Amino acid sequence: MASGSTKVVLAALVGNGLIAVTKFGAAFYTGSSAMLSEAIHSVVDTGNQGLILFGLKRSKKPADAAHPFGYGMELYFWTFVVAILIFAVGAGVSLYEGIAKIRHPHPVANAHINYMVLGAAMVFEAFAWWFAFKEFKGRKGHLGYFAAVRQSKDPALFTVLFEDTAAMLGLIIAFAGIALGQAWDMPVLDGVASVAIGVVLALVAAFLAYECKGLLVGESAKRPVVWGIRAIVEARGDVKAVNELLTMHLGPDDILVNISLDFADGIRSETVEAAISGLEAEIKQSYPEVKRIFIEVQSLTGHRAAQRAAAGGHDSENSAPED
């Protein structure tokens, strides 16, 4: 059974592939710059969804000796590539085509063909957008939509949602540009619409690249997860202090947890070992997305001393040499 994200991507892939064919036919038949930009936009979206599916498949590969933490972050890499393609190909070609049409405007022939194709594309895009939006709404919980995107660890879902939103905006802009250009006898507006579509794509690409960059660099688990793990650890009577608790997403449902603990004085090594095993089991049971847990036993005093030594070494490495 395909996951929710995979279903969303597959629906968008099929829809955009069909739309791209009809848009190219209309663009070549009518000579509309805005329609050609929309056709290129649909081809880019189709290719992007193919890359996301590839990333989803690669991210599920099991860990091996070369990649002991698995391949989960491949999804983040391929969605970042998608953002670059939207900017370079989608926005770049749309801007180029629009500027060329503004410099050398010519009337759009058989505009009614464009209206029919754009109308049909709006129906297909609306279906794909609603499918992605419904899945995203079901996952966002109590968060606002913007906050949910910022905190989401599943770029496949919000990338498709933003692509479909940009596609709907592009269709509206193209329709308005062709219609106004025909009504006011200003064919230059067809080129203006193409430029506007390019700007929309550039903005969406920049936002997606920013979000994917954060995931590639390494983002911690959501605050409720971190707080919940800390509460589980602190609830144990044999733990004197939590020196440090670090988390990082290696994939949408793959969290790495590192914990440094100071246990109560005088307890036996067997008790510490049993406590660590119990903590690992309880944390994984409470948060199934936590796949790997590393627990370090260290006194609070020793931990602070190690932190001071590391900070001092970092400062000395970055300080200028004395004459």
Protein backbone atom coordinates (compact mmCIF):
# COMPACT_ATOMS: atom_id res chain seq x y z
CA MET A 1 0.00 0.00 0.00
CA ALA A 2 1.41 3.36 -1.02
CA SER A 3 1.89 5.95 1.67
CA GLY A 4 -0.12 9.19 1.71
CA SER A 5 2.77 11.15 0.26
CA THR A 6 3.31 8.62 -2.54
CA LYS A 7 -0.39 8.71 -3.48
CA VAL A 8 -0.32 12.51 -3.64
CA VAL A 9 2.78 12.50 -5.86
CA LEU A 10 1.35 9.83 -8.17
CA ALA A 11 -1.92 11.77 -8.58
CA ALA A 12 0.00 14.95 -9.42
CA LEU A 13 2.29 13.06 -11.84
CA VAL A 14 -0.58 11.63 -13.87
CA GLY A 15 -2.50 14.91 -13.89
CA ASN A 16 0.45 17.06 -14.94
CA GLY A 17 1.54 14.62 -17.63
CA LEU A 18 -1.88 14.77 -19.32
CA ILE A 19 -2.10 18.53 -18.93
CA ALA A 20 1.38 19.09 -20.42
CA VAL A 21 0.45 17.30 -23.66
CA THR A 22 -2.71 19.37 -24.18
CA LYS A 23 -0.95 22.64 -23.31
CA PHE A 24 1.84 22.06 -25.82
CA GLY A 25 -0.71 21.32 -28.53
CA ALA A 26 -2.59 24.52 -27.78
CA ALA A 27 0.62 26.60 -27.55
CA PHE A 28 1.92 25.49 -30.95
CA TYR A 29 -1.51 25.85 -32.57
CA THR A 30 -2.24 29.35 -31.23
CA GLY A 31 1.24 30.83 -30.74
CA SER A 32 0.49 31.93 -27.17
CA SER A 33 3.56 32.72 -25.07
CA ALA A 34 1.64 32.32 -21.81
CA MET A 35 0.35 28.92 -22.92
CA LEU A 36 3.86 27.79 -23.86
CA SER A 37 5.09 28.87 -20.41
CA GLU A 38 2.28 26.88 -18.84
CA ALA A 39 3.17 23.82 -20.96
CA ILE A 40 6.82 24.02 -19.86
CA HIS A 41 5.62 24.50 -16.29
CA SER A 42 3.59 21.27 -16.51
CA VAL A 43 6.55 19.35 -17.99
CA VAL A 44 8.78 20.58 -15.16
CA ASP A 45 6.16 19.57 -12.59
CA THR A 46 5.83 16.12 -14.16
CA GLY A 47 9.60 15.61 -14.09
CA ASN A 48 9.75 16.93 -10.53
CA GLN A 49 7.17 14.45 -9.33
CA GLY A 50 9.16 11.69 -10.99
CA LEU A 51 12.23 12.82 -9.05
CA ILE A 52 10.27 12.90 -5.79
CA LEU A 53 9.03 9.35 -6.40
CA PHE A 54 12.64 8.33 -7.06
CA GLY A 55 13.67 10.01 -3.81
CA LEU A 56 10.88 8.26 -1.88
CA LYS A 57 12.03 4.90 -3.26
CA ARG A 58 15.72 5.57 -2.55
CA SER A 59 14.98 6.77 0.99
CA LYS A 60 13.51 3.36 1.87
CA LYS A 61 16.74 1.48 1.14
CA PRO A 62 18.01 -0.33 4.25
CA ALA A 63 21.17 0.80 6.01
CA ASP A 64 24.46 -0.73 4.91
CA ALA A 65 28.16 -0.42 5.73
CA ALA A 66 28.58 2.68 3.55
CA HIS A 67 25.45 4.38 4.95
CA PRO A 68 24.96 3.03 8.48
CA PHE A 69 22.12 5.47 9.21
CA GLY A 70 20.22 4.55 6.05
CA TYR A 71 19.23 6.56 2.99
CA GLY A 72 16.35 8.58 4.42
CA MET A 73 17.94 11.95 3.60
CA GLU A 74 17.95 11.13 -0.13
CA LEU A 75 14.35 12.38 -0.16
CA TYR A 76 15.58 15.75 1.11
CA PHE A 77 18.25 15.88 -1.58
CA TRP A 78 15.91 15.12 -4.47
CA THR A 79 13.31 17.63 -3.31
CA PHE A 80 16.07 20.24 -3.20
CA VAL A 81 16.91 19.30 -6.81
CA VAL A 82 13.22 19.80 -7.63
CA ALA A 83 13.34 23.33 -6.23
CA ILE A 84 16.40 24.11 -8.37
CA LEU A 85 14.67 22.76 -11.48
CA ILE A 86 11.55 24.84 -10.86
CA PHE A 87 13.74 27.93 -10.61
CA ALA A 88 16.15 27.20 -13.46
CA VAL A 89 13.84 25.60 -16.02
CA GLY A 90 10.30 26.63 -15.13
CA ALA A 91 10.94 30.21 -14.07
CA GLY A 92 13.88 30.76 -16.44
CA VAL A 93 12.11 29.64 -19.61
CA SER A 94 8.89 31.47 -18.67
CA LEU A 95 10.76 34.72 -18.12
CA TYR A 96 12.73 34.32 -21.35
CA GLU A 97 9.64 33.52 -23.41
CA GLY A 98 7.66 36.37 -21.81
CA ILE A 99 10.35 38.97 -22.42
CA ALA A 100 10.69 37.83 -26.05
CA LYS A 101 6.92 38.22 -26.53
CA ILE A 102 6.94 41.67 -24.92
CA ARG A 103 9.71 42.80 -27.26
CA HIS A 104 7.99 41.33 -30.33
CA PRO A 105 4.26 41.04 -29.58
CA HIS A 106 1.90 39.28 -31.96
CA PRO A 107 -1.79 38.39 -31.61
CA VAL A 108 -2.80 34.99 -30.25
CA ALA A 109 -4.53 32.96 -32.96
CA ASN A 110 -7.61 30.86 -32.17
CA ALA A 111 -7.70 32.02 -28.55
CA HIS A 112 -10.76 29.87 -27.87
CA ILE A 113 -8.47 26.80 -28.03
CA ASN A 114 -6.41 28.23 -25.17
CA TYR A 115 -9.53 28.93 -23.12
CA MET A 116 -10.71 25.34 -23.53
CA VAL A 117 -7.33 23.87 -22.62
CA LEU A 118 -6.83 26.22 -19.66
CA GLY A 119 -10.33 25.46 -18.40
CA ALA A 120 -9.72 21.71 -18.58
CA ALA A 121 -6.29 22.14 -16.94
CA MET A 122 -7.90 24.06 -14.08
CA VAL A 123 -10.22 21.13 -13.42
CA PHE A 124 -7.34 18.61 -13.39
CA GLU A 125 -5.11 20.87 -11.27
CA ALA A 126 -7.94 21.57 -8.83
CA PHE A 127 -8.38 17.81 -8.31
CA ALA A 128 -4.65 17.26 -7.74
CA TRP A 129 -4.44 20.32 -5.46
CA TRP A 130 -7.40 19.18 -3.36
CA PHE A 131 -5.90 15.71 -3.02
CA ALA A 132 -2.61 17.16 -1.76
CA PHE A 133 -4.34 19.74 0.45
CA LYS A 134 -6.59 17.12 2.07
CA GLU A 135 -3.58 14.94 2.92
CA PHE A 136 -1.64 17.93 4.28
CA LYS A 137 -4.61 19.16 6.32
CA GLY A 138 -4.96 15.73 7.90
CA ARG A 139 -1.32 15.81 9.03
CA LYS A 140 -0.92 19.39 10.18
CA GLY A 141 -2.91 18.92 13.39
CA HIS A 142 -3.55 22.10 15.37
CA LEU A 143 -0.81 24.08 13.62
CA GLY A 144 -1.52 26.87 11.16
CA TYR A 145 -0.80 26.12 7.51
CA PHE A 146 2.39 28.18 7.29
CA ALA A 147 3.68 26.85 10.61
CA ALA A 148 2.85 23.29 9.51
CA VAL A 149 4.96 23.73 6.36
CA ARG A 150 7.84 25.16 8.37
CA GLN A 151 7.75 22.25 10.83
CA SER A 152 6.97 19.49 8.34
CA LYS A 153 9.65 16.84 7.88
CA ASP A 154 7.98 15.39 4.76
CA PRO A 155 9.06 17.57 1.80
CA ALA A 156 7.32 15.31 -0.74
CA LEU A 157 3.92 16.40 0.54
CA PHE A 158 4.43 20.14 0.85
CA THR A 159 6.43 20.30 -2.40
CA VAL A 160 3.51 18.86 -4.38
CA LEU A 161 1.09 21.16 -2.56
CA PHE A 162 3.16 24.24 -3.45
CA GLU A 163 3.68 23.05 -7.03
CA ASP A 164 -0.06 22.59 -7.48
CA THR A 165 -0.77 25.99 -5.92
CA ALA A 166 1.73 27.63 -8.29
CA ALA A 167 0.13 25.73 -11.19
CA MET A 168 -3.34 27.05 -10.32
CA LEU A 169 -2.01 30.60 -10.06
CA GLY A 170 -0.20 30.18 -13.38
CA LEU A 171 -3.38 29.00 -15.11
CA ILE A 172 -5.32 31.98 -13.80
CA ILE A 173 -2.57 34.38 -14.90
CA ALA A 174 -2.36 32.79 -18.36
CA PHE A 175 -6.14 32.92 -18.80
CA ALA A 176 -6.26 36.57 -17.74
CA GLY A 177 -3.30 37.54 -19.94
CA ILE A 178 -4.77 35.98 -23.08
CA ALA A 179 -8.28 37.27 -22.40
CA LEU A 180 -7.24 40.85 -21.61
CA GLY A 181 -4.82 40.91 -24.53
CA GLN A 182 -7.64 39.88 -26.86
CA ALA A 183 -10.24 42.20 -25.32
CA TRP A 184 -7.99 45.28 -25.32
CA ASP A 185 -6.14 44.37 -28.52
CA MET A 186 -2.86 44.34 -26.55
CA PRO A 187 -0.97 41.14 -27.46
CA VAL A 188 1.89 42.30 -25.27
CA LEU A 189 -0.20 41.20 -22.24
CA ASP A 190 0.36 37.59 -23.29
CA GLY A 191 4.09 38.14 -22.71
CA VAL A 192 3.40 39.98 -19.45
CA ALA A 193 1.42 36.95 -18.25
CA SER A 194 4.36 34.68 -19.11
CA VAL A 195 6.72 36.89 -17.07
CA ALA A 196 4.26 36.86 -14.15
CA ILE A 197 4.15 33.05 -14.28
CA GLY A 198 7.96 33.00 -14.18
CA VAL A 199 7.97 35.26 -11.10
CA VAL A 200 5.47 32.99 -9.32
CA LEU A 201 7.61 29.93 -10.07
CA ALA A 202 10.78 31.69 -8.92
CA LEU A 203 9.17 32.61 -5.58
CA VAL A 204 7.86 29.08 -5.01
CA ALA A 205 11.24 27.59 -5.93
CA ALA A 206 13.07 29.91 -3.52
CA PHE A 207 10.76 28.98 -0.65
CA LEU A 208 11.03 25.25 -1.35
CA ALA A 209 14.83 25.46 -1.61
CA TYR A 210 14.97 27.24 1.76
CA GLU A 211 12.81 24.62 3.46
CA CYS A 212 14.69 21.68 1.91
CA LYS A 213 18.04 23.24 2.83
CA GLY A 214 17.06 23.18 6.49
CA LEU A 215 16.17 19.48 6.27
CA LEU A 216 19.42 18.67 4.45
CA VAL A 217 21.54 20.48 7.02
CA GLY A 218 19.74 18.61 9.80
CA GLU A 219 16.64 19.59 11.78
CA SER A 220 15.70 18.43 15.24
CA ALA A 221 12.49 16.56 16.01
CA LYS A 222 9.39 18.62 16.76
CA ARG A 223 9.26 20.17 20.22
CA PRO A 224 6.48 17.89 21.56
CA VAL A 225 8.60 14.86 20.65
CA VAL A 226 11.71 16.30 22.32
CA TRP A 227 9.73 17.30 25.42
CA GLY A 228 8.09 13.87 25.56
CA ILE A 229 11.43 12.05 25.38
CA ARG A 230 12.85 14.28 28.10
CA ALA A 231 9.81 13.61 30.31
CA ILE A 232 10.29 9.84 29.89
CA VAL A 233 13.96 10.09 30.90
CA GLU A 234 13.41 12.45 33.83
CA ALA A 235 10.62 10.24 35.21
CA ARG A 236 13.15 7.56 36.15
CA GLY A 237 14.28 7.75 39.75
CA ASP A 238 17.78 6.48 38.99
CA VAL A 239 18.52 9.38 36.59
CA LYS A 240 19.99 12.36 38.45
CA ALA A 241 20.26 14.75 35.48
CA VAL A 242 19.79 14.93 31.73
CA ASN A 243 23.05 16.50 30.59
CA GLU A 244 22.10 16.77 26.94
CA LEU A 245 19.32 15.58 24.60
CA LEU A 246 19.93 15.90 20.87
CA THR A 247 17.62 14.81 18.05
CA MET A 248 17.86 14.93 14.26
CA HIS A 249 15.57 13.85 11.43
CA LEU A 250 17.25 11.43 9.01
CA GLY A 251 13.95 11.15 7.12
CA PRO A 252 10.28 12.07 7.61
CA ASP A 253 9.76 9.06 9.92
CA ASP A 254 13.35 8.42 11.02
CA ILE A 255 14.66 10.25 14.09
CA LEU A 256 18.10 9.87 15.64
CA VAL A 257 18.29 10.52 19.41
CA ASN A 258 21.47 11.10 21.45
CA ILE A 259 21.19 11.44 25.24
CA SER A 260 23.83 12.14 27.89
CA LEU A 261 22.70 11.07 31.38
CA ASP A 262 24.05 11.43 34.90
CA PHE A 263 22.84 8.47 36.95
CA ALA A 264 22.46 8.44 40.72
CA ASP A 265 25.65 7.75 42.62
CA GLY A 266 26.37 4.29 43.94
CA ILE A 267 24.15 2.23 41.63
CA ARG A 268 25.50 -0.96 40.09
CA SER A 269 26.55 -1.22 36.43
CA GLU A 270 23.87 -3.88 35.88
CA THR A 271 21.23 -1.40 37.07
CA VAL A 272 22.51 1.25 34.63
CA GLU A 273 22.44 -1.23 31.76
CA ALA A 274 18.89 -2.28 32.59
CA ALA A 275 17.82 1.37 32.88
CA ILE A 276 19.27 2.20 29.46
CA SER A 277 17.53 -0.78 27.86
CA GLY A 278 14.26 0.21 29.52
CA LEU A 279 14.57 3.82 28.34
CA GLU A 280 15.24 2.76 24.75
CA ALA A 281 12.23 0.45 24.73
CA GLU A 282 9.89 3.05 26.28
CA ILE A 283 11.00 5.87 23.98
CA LYS A 284 10.61 3.75 20.82
CA GLN A 285 7.22 2.51 21.98
CA SER A 286 6.01 6.06 22.64
CA TYR A 287 7.57 7.50 19.46
CA PRO A 288 7.81 4.86 16.68
CA GLU A 289 9.53 7.37 14.40
CA VAL A 290 12.59 7.18 16.69
CA LYS A 291 14.68 4.50 15.02
CA ARG A 292 18.08 4.91 16.72
CA ILE A 293 18.95 5.90 20.30
CA PHE A 294 22.43 6.41 21.70
CA ILE A 295 22.67 6.94 25.46
CA GLU A 296 25.92 8.14 27.05
CA VAL A 297 26.54 7.81 30.80
CA GLN A 298 28.49 10.79 32.15
CA SER A 299 28.46 12.85 35.32
CA LEU A 300 27.04 16.35 35.03
CA THR A 301 30.37 17.78 36.23
CA GLY A 302 32.30 15.77 33.63
CA HIS A 303 29.86 16.76 30.90
CA ARG A 304 30.24 20.47 31.67
CA ALA A 305 34.01 20.14 31.79
CA ALA A 306 33.98 18.44 28.37
CA GLN A 307 31.81 21.24 26.99
CA ARG A 308 34.17 23.91 28.34
CA ALA A 309 37.17 22.08 26.88
CA ALA A 310 35.44 21.78 23.48
CA ALA A 311 34.49 25.46 23.54
CA GLY A 312 38.03 26.45 24.48
CA GLY A 313 39.51 24.31 21.72
CA HIS A 314 37.11 25.82 19.18
CA ASP A 315 38.04 29.34 20.25
CA SER A 316 41.76 28.59 20.01
CA GLU A 317 41.34 27.15 16.52
CA ASN A 318 39.60 30.29 15.32
CA SER A 319 41.83 32.79 17.09
CA ALA A 320 44.50 34.65 15.13
CA PRO A 321 48.10 33.45 15.70
CA GLU A 322 50.26 35.69 17.83
CA ASP A 323 53.23 37.49 16.29
